[in-house]
Amino acid sequence: HRGILAVGRKPEPVSMDAFLDALENRDNKQLLVVASGIGNHDNMGGIFRNAAAFGASAVILDSGCCDPFYRKAIRVSVGAVLRTPVVQMPTACEIVSRLQGRGFEVLALTPAAQMQLAEYRPSKRTAILLGSEGPGLTQAVIDQCLPVGIRMAGGFDSLNVAVTSGIALHQMAFG
C-alpha cells in the first residue's frame, strides 16, 4: 500500500435511463465511452483516465467488465474512476440500442472497419465502443454500430484497448 490507506464507499449504481435523462438537459456536445468485456484492471483504469482527460461524460460498462472500483483500476486511473460517472447494463447490444434510441451515434472500434477514425466527424452525441483485447467486439454488436478503425503501420492490426481509447477520445474531442 506504500504507506497510504483509504476506505471508501462504492457509489450507488446509476440507471441508464436516469443518466440519459440528465444528459437531455445539456446543450453541449456529448461524448460517451462504452466498454464491453474489459477484464483487465490496468486497461479499465486507463480507459477511465482517458475518458476524464478528454471530457467524456461517462463510461458505460457491460456485465463482462471488471470492477472499475478495484484498487488497481483506481490507481491506474489516477482517481478518475472516482469522479467519472459510471453506468452498467447487462449487454453491449442493450447499451447500443438504448444509446441509439436517445440519438447517439455509436462507433464500434474494430480493426476490420473500412472507415478510418481520422475520416470520421463526430456528431453532437457520440459514443465510442471498445471491446476486450483478443476477441474484441462480437459481430452482432459491430453490426449495430458504425465500424471505425485506426490506421496502423508495420502490419499491426490492433492496439491495447486503453491506448485505443486515448486515440479515439482525442480524435472525438479535438479532431
N, C-alpha and C. Protein backbone atom coordinates (compact mmCIF):
# COMPACT_ATOMS: atom_id res chain seq x y z
N HIS A 1 0.81 -1.21 0.00
CA HIS A 1 0.00 0.00 0.00
C HIS A 1 0.84 1.26 0.00
N ARG A 2 2.14 1.15 0.11
CA ARG A 2 3.07 2.27 0.03
C ARG A 2 2.79 3.37 1.05
N GLY A 3 2.29 2.99 2.22
CA GLY A 3 2.11 3.94 3.29
C GLY A 3 0.83 4.75 3.26
N ILE A 4 -0.01 4.51 2.28
CA ILE A 4 -1.28 5.24 2.19
C ILE A 4 -2.42 4.25 2.14
N LEU A 5 -3.37 4.41 3.04
CA LEU A 5 -4.56 3.57 3.05
C LEU A 5 -5.78 4.46 3.04
N ALA A 6 -6.84 3.97 2.48
CA ALA A 6 -8.10 4.72 2.46
C ALA A 6 -9.25 3.74 2.50
N VAL A 7 -10.35 4.19 3.00
CA VAL A 7 -11.57 3.42 2.99
C VAL A 7 -12.60 4.27 2.28
N GLY A 8 -13.31 3.66 1.38
CA GLY A 8 -14.33 4.40 0.66
C GLY A 8 -15.57 3.57 0.47
N ARG A 9 -16.58 4.20 0.03
CA ARG A 9 -17.84 3.52 -0.25
C ARG A 9 -18.11 3.63 -1.74
N LYS A 10 -18.37 2.49 -2.33
CA LYS A 10 -18.73 2.47 -3.74
C LYS A 10 -20.01 3.26 -3.95
N PRO A 11 -20.04 4.09 -4.99
CA PRO A 11 -21.29 4.82 -5.23
C PRO A 11 -22.43 3.89 -5.62
N GLU A 12 -23.63 4.32 -5.34
CA GLU A 12 -24.81 3.56 -5.75
C GLU A 12 -24.87 3.54 -7.27
N PRO A 13 -25.30 2.43 -7.86
CA PRO A 13 -25.39 2.37 -9.32
C PRO A 13 -26.37 3.41 -9.86
N VAL A 14 -26.03 3.95 -11.01
CA VAL A 14 -26.89 4.91 -11.71
C VAL A 14 -27.56 4.16 -12.84
N SER A 15 -28.86 4.33 -12.98
CA SER A 15 -29.55 3.64 -14.08
C SER A 15 -29.26 4.37 -15.39
N MET A 16 -29.27 3.62 -16.46
CA MET A 16 -29.02 4.19 -17.78
C MET A 16 -30.04 5.27 -18.10
N ASP A 17 -31.31 5.01 -17.82
CA ASP A 17 -32.35 5.99 -18.13
C ASP A 17 -32.17 7.28 -17.33
N ALA A 18 -31.86 7.17 -16.03
CA ALA A 18 -31.65 8.36 -15.21
C ALA A 18 -30.45 9.16 -15.72
N PHE A 19 -29.39 8.45 -16.09
CA PHE A 19 -28.21 9.14 -16.62
C PHE A 19 -28.54 9.85 -17.92
N LEU A 20 -29.20 9.13 -18.86
CA LEU A 20 -29.52 9.73 -20.15
C LEU A 20 -30.53 10.87 -20.01
N ASP A 21 -31.46 10.76 -19.08
CA ASP A 21 -32.39 11.85 -18.81
C ASP A 21 -31.64 13.11 -18.39
N ALA A 22 -30.63 12.95 -17.54
CA ALA A 22 -29.83 14.09 -17.09
C ALA A 22 -29.07 14.73 -18.24
N LEU A 23 -28.63 13.92 -19.20
CA LEU A 23 -27.92 14.46 -20.37
C LEU A 23 -28.85 15.26 -21.28
N GLU A 24 -30.12 14.90 -21.29
CA GLU A 24 -31.08 15.59 -22.17
C GLU A 24 -31.13 17.08 -21.90
N ASN A 25 -30.85 17.49 -20.67
CA ASN A 25 -30.94 18.90 -20.29
C ASN A 25 -29.68 19.69 -20.64
N ARG A 26 -28.70 19.05 -21.21
CA ARG A 26 -27.45 19.73 -21.56
C ARG A 26 -27.44 20.04 -23.05
N ASP A 27 -27.00 21.24 -23.38
CA ASP A 27 -26.94 21.65 -24.78
C ASP A 27 -25.61 21.34 -25.43
N ASN A 28 -24.60 21.07 -24.64
CA ASN A 28 -23.27 20.87 -25.21
C ASN A 28 -23.11 19.50 -25.85
N LYS A 29 -22.03 19.36 -26.54
CA LYS A 29 -21.68 18.12 -27.20
C LYS A 29 -21.49 17.01 -26.16
N GLN A 30 -21.99 15.81 -26.45
CA GLN A 30 -21.88 14.69 -25.52
C GLN A 30 -21.01 13.59 -26.11
N LEU A 31 -20.07 13.12 -25.31
CA LEU A 31 -19.18 12.04 -25.71
C LEU A 31 -19.20 10.99 -24.60
N LEU A 32 -19.51 9.75 -24.97
CA LEU A 32 -19.56 8.65 -24.01
C LEU A 32 -18.58 7.56 -24.43
N VAL A 33 -18.11 6.82 -23.44
CA VAL A 33 -17.27 5.65 -23.68
C VAL A 33 -18.06 4.43 -23.25
N VAL A 34 -18.12 3.42 -24.09
CA VAL A 34 -18.78 2.16 -23.77
C VAL A 34 -17.71 1.07 -23.79
N ALA A 35 -17.63 0.30 -22.72
CA ALA A 35 -16.64 -0.78 -22.62
C ALA A 35 -17.37 -2.12 -22.55
N SER A 36 -16.91 -3.05 -23.37
CA SER A 36 -17.52 -4.38 -23.42
C SER A 36 -16.47 -5.44 -23.18
N GLY A 37 -16.64 -6.19 -22.10
CA GLY A 37 -15.75 -7.32 -21.83
C GLY A 37 -14.34 -6.95 -21.40
N ILE A 38 -14.14 -5.76 -20.87
CA ILE A 38 -12.79 -5.36 -20.43
C ILE A 38 -12.55 -5.99 -19.06
N GLY A 39 -11.66 -6.98 -19.02
CA GLY A 39 -11.43 -7.73 -17.80
C GLY A 39 -10.15 -7.36 -17.08
N ASN A 40 -9.30 -6.56 -17.68
CA ASN A 40 -8.03 -6.20 -17.10
C ASN A 40 -8.14 -4.87 -16.37
N HIS A 41 -7.78 -4.84 -15.10
CA HIS A 41 -7.94 -3.63 -14.29
C HIS A 41 -7.02 -2.49 -14.75
N ASP A 42 -5.84 -2.83 -15.29
CA ASP A 42 -4.97 -1.79 -15.83
C ASP A 42 -5.66 -1.10 -17.01
N ASN A 43 -6.23 -1.89 -17.89
CA ASN A 43 -6.92 -1.32 -19.05
C ASN A 43 -8.14 -0.51 -18.61
N MET A 44 -8.87 -1.02 -17.63
CA MET A 44 -10.04 -0.30 -17.15
C MET A 44 -9.63 1.06 -16.58
N GLY A 45 -8.59 1.07 -15.78
CA GLY A 45 -8.10 2.33 -15.22
C GLY A 45 -7.65 3.29 -16.31
N GLY A 46 -6.96 2.77 -17.32
CA GLY A 46 -6.51 3.59 -18.44
C GLY A 46 -7.67 4.18 -19.22
N ILE A 47 -8.72 3.41 -19.41
CA ILE A 47 -9.91 3.91 -20.12
C ILE A 47 -10.54 5.06 -19.34
N PHE A 48 -10.67 4.90 -18.02
CA PHE A 48 -11.25 5.98 -17.21
C PHE A 48 -10.36 7.22 -17.21
N ARG A 49 -9.06 7.00 -17.14
CA ARG A 49 -8.14 8.14 -17.17
C ARG A 49 -8.29 8.92 -18.47
N ASN A 50 -8.34 8.20 -19.58
CA ASN A 50 -8.50 8.85 -20.88
C ASN A 50 -9.87 9.52 -21.00
N ALA A 51 -10.91 8.86 -20.51
CA ALA A 51 -12.25 9.45 -20.56
C ALA A 51 -12.27 10.80 -19.84
N ALA A 52 -11.65 10.86 -18.66
CA ALA A 52 -11.60 12.11 -17.90
C ALA A 52 -10.75 13.14 -18.62
N ALA A 53 -9.61 12.72 -19.16
CA ALA A 53 -8.69 13.65 -19.82
C ALA A 53 -9.29 14.30 -21.06
N PHE A 54 -10.18 13.59 -21.75
CA PHE A 54 -10.73 14.11 -22.99
C PHE A 54 -12.20 14.49 -22.88
N GLY A 55 -12.71 14.62 -21.66
CA GLY A 55 -14.02 15.20 -21.44
C GLY A 55 -15.22 14.31 -21.71
N ALA A 56 -15.06 13.00 -21.63
CA ALA A 56 -16.22 12.12 -21.79
C ALA A 56 -17.19 12.33 -20.63
N SER A 57 -18.47 12.25 -20.91
CA SER A 57 -19.49 12.47 -19.88
C SER A 57 -19.65 11.27 -18.95
N ALA A 58 -19.29 10.07 -19.42
CA ALA A 58 -19.44 8.87 -18.60
C ALA A 58 -18.75 7.71 -19.28
N VAL A 59 -18.57 6.64 -18.50
CA VAL A 59 -18.14 5.36 -19.03
C VAL A 59 -19.25 4.37 -18.72
N ILE A 60 -19.70 3.68 -19.75
CA ILE A 60 -20.78 2.71 -19.61
C ILE A 60 -20.18 1.32 -19.79
N LEU A 61 -20.47 0.42 -18.86
CA LEU A 61 -19.87 -0.91 -18.84
C LEU A 61 -20.92 -1.98 -19.02
N ASP A 62 -20.56 -3.04 -19.77
CA ASP A 62 -21.45 -4.21 -19.80
C ASP A 62 -21.04 -5.15 -18.67
N SER A 63 -21.80 -6.20 -18.48
CA SER A 63 -21.57 -7.11 -17.35
C SER A 63 -20.28 -7.91 -17.49
N GLY A 64 -19.66 -7.92 -18.65
CA GLY A 64 -18.41 -8.63 -18.84
C GLY A 64 -17.18 -7.85 -18.40
N CYS A 65 -17.37 -6.64 -17.92
CA CYS A 65 -16.25 -5.80 -17.49
C CYS A 65 -15.89 -6.05 -16.03
N CYS A 66 -14.61 -5.85 -15.74
CA CYS A 66 -14.15 -5.95 -14.36
C CYS A 66 -14.62 -4.73 -13.56
N ASP A 67 -14.43 -4.79 -12.28
CA ASP A 67 -14.88 -3.73 -11.38
C ASP A 67 -13.96 -2.51 -11.48
N PRO A 68 -14.48 -1.37 -11.93
CA PRO A 68 -13.62 -0.18 -12.04
C PRO A 68 -13.21 0.37 -10.67
N PHE A 69 -13.88 -0.08 -9.60
CA PHE A 69 -13.56 0.40 -8.26
C PHE A 69 -12.56 -0.50 -7.53
N TYR A 70 -12.01 -1.47 -8.24
CA TYR A 70 -10.93 -2.28 -7.69
C TYR A 70 -9.70 -1.37 -7.54
N ARG A 71 -8.91 -1.57 -6.51
CA ARG A 71 -7.83 -0.63 -6.19
C ARG A 71 -6.86 -0.38 -7.35
N LYS A 72 -6.55 -1.40 -8.12
CA LYS A 72 -5.60 -1.21 -9.21
C LYS A 72 -6.19 -0.34 -10.31
N ALA A 73 -7.46 -0.52 -10.61
CA ALA A 73 -8.12 0.32 -11.62
C ALA A 73 -8.16 1.77 -11.15
N ILE A 74 -8.46 1.98 -9.88
CA ILE A 74 -8.49 3.34 -9.35
C ILE A 74 -7.11 3.99 -9.45
N ARG A 75 -6.08 3.22 -9.08
CA ARG A 75 -4.71 3.76 -9.12
C ARG A 75 -4.30 4.11 -10.55
N VAL A 76 -4.52 3.21 -11.49
CA VAL A 76 -4.14 3.47 -12.88
C VAL A 76 -4.92 4.66 -13.44
N SER A 77 -6.15 4.82 -13.00
CA SER A 77 -6.98 5.93 -13.50
C SER A 77 -6.60 7.27 -12.86
N VAL A 78 -5.64 7.27 -11.96
CA VAL A 78 -5.27 8.43 -11.14
C VAL A 78 -6.50 9.07 -10.50
N GLY A 79 -7.41 8.21 -10.05
CA GLY A 79 -8.61 8.66 -9.36
C GLY A 79 -9.78 9.03 -10.25
N ALA A 80 -9.61 8.97 -11.57
CA ALA A 80 -10.70 9.35 -12.49
C ALA A 80 -11.93 8.47 -12.30
N VAL A 81 -11.74 7.22 -11.88
CA VAL A 81 -12.87 6.34 -11.63
C VAL A 81 -13.78 6.93 -10.55
N LEU A 82 -13.20 7.66 -9.63
CA LEU A 82 -13.96 8.21 -8.51
C LEU A 82 -14.75 9.47 -8.88
N ARG A 83 -14.44 10.06 -10.03
CA ARG A 83 -15.15 11.28 -10.41
C ARG A 83 -15.81 11.22 -11.78
N THR A 84 -15.73 10.10 -12.45
CA THR A 84 -16.36 9.93 -13.75
C THR A 84 -17.63 9.09 -13.57
N PRO A 85 -18.76 9.59 -14.04
CA PRO A 85 -19.98 8.78 -13.91
C PRO A 85 -19.82 7.41 -14.57
N VAL A 86 -20.32 6.40 -13.87
CA VAL A 86 -20.27 5.01 -14.35
C VAL A 86 -21.70 4.49 -14.42
N VAL A 87 -22.03 3.89 -15.55
CA VAL A 87 -23.34 3.26 -15.74
C VAL A 87 -23.07 1.82 -16.15
N GLN A 88 -23.86 0.88 -15.64
CA GLN A 88 -23.70 -0.52 -16.01
C GLN A 88 -25.01 -1.08 -16.54
N MET A 89 -24.87 -1.89 -17.59
CA MET A 89 -26.01 -2.60 -18.17
C MET A 89 -25.55 -4.01 -18.51
N PRO A 90 -26.48 -4.94 -18.69
CA PRO A 90 -26.09 -6.34 -18.92
C PRO A 90 -25.27 -6.58 -20.19
N THR A 91 -25.70 -6.07 -21.33
CA THR A 91 -25.00 -6.43 -22.57
C THR A 91 -24.70 -5.20 -23.42
N ALA A 92 -23.66 -5.34 -24.24
CA ALA A 92 -23.29 -4.27 -25.17
C ALA A 92 -24.41 -3.99 -26.15
N CYS A 93 -25.10 -5.02 -26.62
CA CYS A 93 -26.21 -4.83 -27.56
C CYS A 93 -27.30 -3.95 -26.95
N GLU A 94 -27.62 -4.20 -25.69
CA GLU A 94 -28.63 -3.38 -25.00
C GLU A 94 -28.15 -1.94 -24.85
N ILE A 95 -26.89 -1.77 -24.52
CA ILE A 95 -26.34 -0.42 -24.37
C ILE A 95 -26.44 0.34 -25.68
N VAL A 96 -26.01 -0.29 -26.76
CA VAL A 96 -26.03 0.36 -28.08
C VAL A 96 -27.46 0.74 -28.45
N SER A 97 -28.40 -0.18 -28.29
CA SER A 97 -29.80 0.11 -28.63
C SER A 97 -30.33 1.30 -27.83
N ARG A 98 -30.04 1.31 -26.54
CA ARG A 98 -30.53 2.39 -25.67
C ARG A 98 -29.92 3.73 -26.09
N LEU A 99 -28.62 3.73 -26.38
CA LEU A 99 -27.98 4.97 -26.78
C LEU A 99 -28.50 5.47 -28.12
N GLN A 100 -28.65 4.57 -29.07
CA GLN A 100 -29.17 4.97 -30.38
C GLN A 100 -30.60 5.50 -30.26
N GLY A 101 -31.38 4.91 -29.37
CA GLY A 101 -32.74 5.38 -29.14
C GLY A 101 -32.78 6.78 -28.56
N ARG A 102 -31.66 7.22 -27.99
CA ARG A 102 -31.57 8.56 -27.41
C ARG A 102 -30.75 9.51 -28.30
N GLY A 103 -30.54 9.10 -29.55
CA GLY A 103 -29.89 9.99 -30.51
C GLY A 103 -28.38 9.96 -30.55
N PHE A 104 -27.76 8.95 -29.97
CA PHE A 104 -26.30 8.83 -30.03
C PHE A 104 -25.89 8.04 -31.26
N GLU A 105 -24.84 8.49 -31.91
CA GLU A 105 -24.19 7.68 -32.93
C GLU A 105 -23.14 6.85 -32.20
N VAL A 106 -23.17 5.55 -32.37
CA VAL A 106 -22.26 4.66 -31.65
C VAL A 106 -21.23 4.10 -32.63
N LEU A 107 -19.96 4.37 -32.33
CA LEU A 107 -18.86 3.88 -33.15
C LEU A 107 -18.30 2.62 -32.51
N ALA A 108 -18.15 1.57 -33.30
CA ALA A 108 -17.50 0.35 -32.83
C ALA A 108 -16.06 0.38 -33.32
N LEU A 109 -15.12 0.45 -32.39
CA LEU A 109 -13.71 0.45 -32.77
C LEU A 109 -13.30 -0.97 -33.09
N THR A 110 -12.92 -1.19 -34.35
CA THR A 110 -12.56 -2.53 -34.79
C THR A 110 -11.53 -2.46 -35.91
N PRO A 111 -10.53 -3.33 -35.88
CA PRO A 111 -9.52 -3.31 -36.94
C PRO A 111 -10.07 -3.68 -38.31
N ALA A 112 -11.23 -4.31 -38.37
CA ALA A 112 -11.81 -4.75 -39.64
C ALA A 112 -12.61 -3.64 -40.34
N ALA A 113 -12.71 -2.48 -39.74
CA ALA A 113 -13.54 -1.40 -40.30
C ALA A 113 -12.96 -0.85 -41.59
N GLN A 114 -13.86 -0.43 -42.48
CA GLN A 114 -13.45 0.23 -43.71
C GLN A 114 -13.17 1.72 -43.46
N MET A 115 -14.01 2.35 -42.63
CA MET A 115 -13.82 3.76 -42.32
C MET A 115 -12.74 3.92 -41.26
N GLN A 116 -11.87 4.89 -41.48
CA GLN A 116 -10.82 5.18 -40.52
C GLN A 116 -11.24 6.30 -39.58
N LEU A 117 -10.79 6.22 -38.36
CA LEU A 117 -11.13 7.20 -37.33
C LEU A 117 -10.83 8.62 -37.79
N ALA A 118 -9.71 8.82 -38.47
CA ALA A 118 -9.32 10.15 -38.93
C ALA A 118 -10.34 10.76 -39.92
N GLU A 119 -11.12 9.92 -40.57
CA GLU A 119 -12.12 10.38 -41.54
C GLU A 119 -13.45 10.74 -40.88
N TYR A 120 -13.67 10.28 -39.68
CA TYR A 120 -14.96 10.46 -39.01
C TYR A 120 -15.07 11.84 -38.39
N ARG A 121 -16.22 12.46 -38.54
CA ARG A 121 -16.52 13.74 -37.89
C ARG A 121 -17.61 13.48 -36.85
N PRO A 122 -17.30 13.75 -35.58
CA PRO A 122 -18.25 13.42 -34.51
C PRO A 122 -19.57 14.17 -34.64
N SER A 123 -20.63 13.48 -34.28
CA SER A 123 -21.95 14.12 -34.21
C SER A 123 -22.05 14.80 -32.85
N LYS A 124 -23.15 15.48 -32.62
CA LYS A 124 -23.34 16.16 -31.33
C LYS A 124 -23.39 15.16 -30.17
N ARG A 125 -23.86 13.95 -30.44
CA ARG A 125 -23.95 12.90 -29.42
C ARG A 125 -23.26 11.65 -29.98
N THR A 126 -22.08 11.38 -29.47
CA THR A 126 -21.27 10.26 -29.96
C THR A 126 -20.86 9.37 -28.81
N ALA A 127 -20.87 8.06 -29.05
CA ALA A 127 -20.36 7.09 -28.09
C ALA A 127 -19.35 6.21 -28.81
N ILE A 128 -18.22 5.96 -28.16
CA ILE A 128 -17.24 5.03 -28.73
C ILE A 128 -17.31 3.72 -27.94
N LEU A 129 -17.36 2.63 -28.67
CA LEU A 129 -17.50 1.30 -28.09
C LEU A 129 -16.18 0.56 -28.23
N LEU A 130 -15.66 0.10 -27.10
CA LEU A 130 -14.38 -0.60 -27.04
C LEU A 130 -14.60 -2.03 -26.58
N GLY A 131 -13.92 -2.96 -27.22
CA GLY A 131 -14.02 -4.37 -26.83
C GLY A 131 -12.74 -4.85 -26.19
N SER A 132 -12.81 -6.04 -25.67
CA SER A 132 -11.65 -6.63 -24.99
C SER A 132 -10.55 -6.94 -25.99
N GLU A 133 -9.33 -6.96 -25.48
CA GLU A 133 -8.20 -7.35 -26.33
C GLU A 133 -8.34 -8.83 -26.64
N GLY A 134 -7.93 -9.22 -27.82
CA GLY A 134 -8.08 -10.61 -28.23
C GLY A 134 -9.36 -10.78 -29.01
N PRO A 135 -10.45 -11.18 -28.33
CA PRO A 135 -11.68 -11.43 -29.08
C PRO A 135 -12.35 -10.17 -29.63
N GLY A 136 -12.13 -9.03 -29.00
CA GLY A 136 -12.76 -7.80 -29.48
C GLY A 136 -14.27 -7.83 -29.32
N LEU A 137 -14.92 -7.02 -30.13
CA LEU A 137 -16.38 -6.94 -30.10
C LEU A 137 -16.99 -8.05 -30.93
N THR A 138 -18.17 -8.50 -30.56
CA THR A 138 -18.85 -9.52 -31.36
C THR A 138 -19.35 -8.88 -32.65
N GLN A 139 -19.52 -9.70 -33.66
CA GLN A 139 -20.01 -9.20 -34.93
C GLN A 139 -21.42 -8.61 -34.79
N ALA A 140 -22.23 -9.21 -33.92
CA ALA A 140 -23.58 -8.70 -33.69
C ALA A 140 -23.56 -7.27 -33.17
N VAL A 141 -22.63 -6.96 -32.26
CA VAL A 141 -22.51 -5.60 -31.74
C VAL A 141 -21.98 -4.67 -32.81
N ILE A 142 -20.95 -5.09 -33.52
CA ILE A 142 -20.38 -4.26 -34.59
C ILE A 142 -21.45 -3.92 -35.62
N ASP A 143 -22.30 -4.90 -35.96
CA ASP A 143 -23.35 -4.68 -36.96
C ASP A 143 -24.37 -3.63 -36.53
N GLN A 144 -24.51 -3.40 -35.24
CA GLN A 144 -25.44 -2.38 -34.74
C GLN A 144 -24.86 -0.97 -34.85
N CYS A 145 -23.55 -0.87 -35.04
CA CYS A 145 -22.84 0.41 -34.91
C CYS A 145 -22.23 0.84 -36.24
N LEU A 146 -21.57 1.98 -36.19
CA LEU A 146 -20.73 2.43 -37.29
C LEU A 146 -19.32 1.92 -37.00
N PRO A 147 -18.82 0.94 -37.76
CA PRO A 147 -17.48 0.42 -37.50
C PRO A 147 -16.41 1.42 -37.94
N VAL A 148 -15.44 1.66 -37.07
CA VAL A 148 -14.37 2.61 -37.34
C VAL A 148 -13.06 1.99 -36.88
N GLY A 149 -12.00 2.19 -37.66
CA GLY A 149 -10.69 1.64 -37.32
C GLY A 149 -9.65 2.72 -37.18
N ILE A 150 -8.51 2.34 -36.65
CA ILE A 150 -7.37 3.24 -36.52
C ILE A 150 -6.27 2.74 -37.44
N ARG A 151 -5.85 3.58 -38.35
CA ARG A 151 -4.82 3.21 -39.32
C ARG A 151 -3.50 2.96 -38.58
N MET A 152 -2.83 1.84 -38.94
CA MET A 152 -1.57 1.47 -38.30
C MET A 152 -0.56 1.04 -39.35
N ALA A 153 0.69 1.12 -38.99
CA ALA A 153 1.78 0.71 -39.88
C ALA A 153 2.38 -0.59 -39.38
N GLY A 154 3.25 -1.16 -40.19
CA GLY A 154 4.04 -2.30 -39.75
C GLY A 154 3.31 -3.61 -39.62
N GLY A 155 2.16 -3.74 -40.26
CA GLY A 155 1.44 -4.99 -40.20
C GLY A 155 0.65 -5.22 -38.93
N PHE A 156 0.63 -4.26 -38.03
CA PHE A 156 -0.17 -4.39 -36.82
C PHE A 156 -1.64 -4.18 -37.16
N ASP A 157 -2.50 -4.92 -36.49
CA ASP A 157 -3.93 -4.76 -36.76
C ASP A 157 -4.72 -4.30 -35.54
N SER A 158 -4.05 -4.20 -34.38
CA SER A 158 -4.79 -3.74 -33.21
C SER A 158 -3.84 -3.13 -32.19
N LEU A 159 -4.42 -2.38 -31.28
CA LEU A 159 -3.68 -1.73 -30.20
C LEU A 159 -4.23 -2.17 -28.86
N ASN A 160 -3.50 -1.89 -27.82
CA ASN A 160 -4.01 -2.07 -26.47
C ASN A 160 -5.29 -1.24 -26.35
N VAL A 161 -6.29 -1.76 -25.66
CA VAL A 161 -7.60 -1.10 -25.59
C VAL A 161 -7.53 0.26 -24.90
N ALA A 162 -6.67 0.41 -23.90
CA ALA A 162 -6.54 1.71 -23.24
C ALA A 162 -5.90 2.72 -24.20
N VAL A 163 -4.92 2.29 -24.97
CA VAL A 163 -4.31 3.17 -25.97
C VAL A 163 -5.34 3.56 -27.02
N THR A 164 -6.11 2.58 -27.47
CA THR A 164 -7.16 2.84 -28.46
C THR A 164 -8.14 3.88 -27.93
N SER A 165 -8.52 3.76 -26.66
CA SER A 165 -9.46 4.73 -26.09
C SER A 165 -8.87 6.13 -26.11
N GLY A 166 -7.59 6.26 -25.80
CA GLY A 166 -6.95 7.57 -25.81
C GLY A 166 -6.93 8.20 -27.19
N ILE A 167 -6.57 7.40 -28.18
CA ILE A 167 -6.53 7.91 -29.56
C ILE A 167 -7.93 8.32 -30.01
N ALA A 168 -8.90 7.45 -29.79
CA ALA A 168 -10.28 7.73 -30.23
C ALA A 168 -10.87 8.93 -29.50
N LEU A 169 -10.66 9.02 -28.20
CA LEU A 169 -11.20 10.15 -27.44
C LEU A 169 -10.54 11.45 -27.85
N HIS A 170 -9.26 11.43 -28.10
CA HIS A 170 -8.57 12.64 -28.57
C HIS A 170 -9.16 13.08 -29.90
N GLN A 171 -9.36 12.15 -30.81
CA GLN A 171 -9.93 12.47 -32.13
C GLN A 171 -11.36 13.04 -31.98
N MET A 172 -12.13 12.46 -31.08
CA MET A 172 -13.51 12.96 -30.88
C MET A 172 -13.51 14.36 -30.25
N ALA A 173 -12.58 14.60 -29.34
CA ALA A 173 -12.55 15.87 -28.62
C ALA A 173 -11.90 16.99 -29.43
N PHE A 174 -10.87 16.66 -30.21
CA PHE A 174 -10.07 17.71 -30.86
C PHE A 174 -9.86 17.54 -32.35
N GLY A 175 -10.32 16.39 -32.91
CA GLY A 175 -10.05 16.10 -34.32
C GLY A 175 -10.92 16.85 -35.28
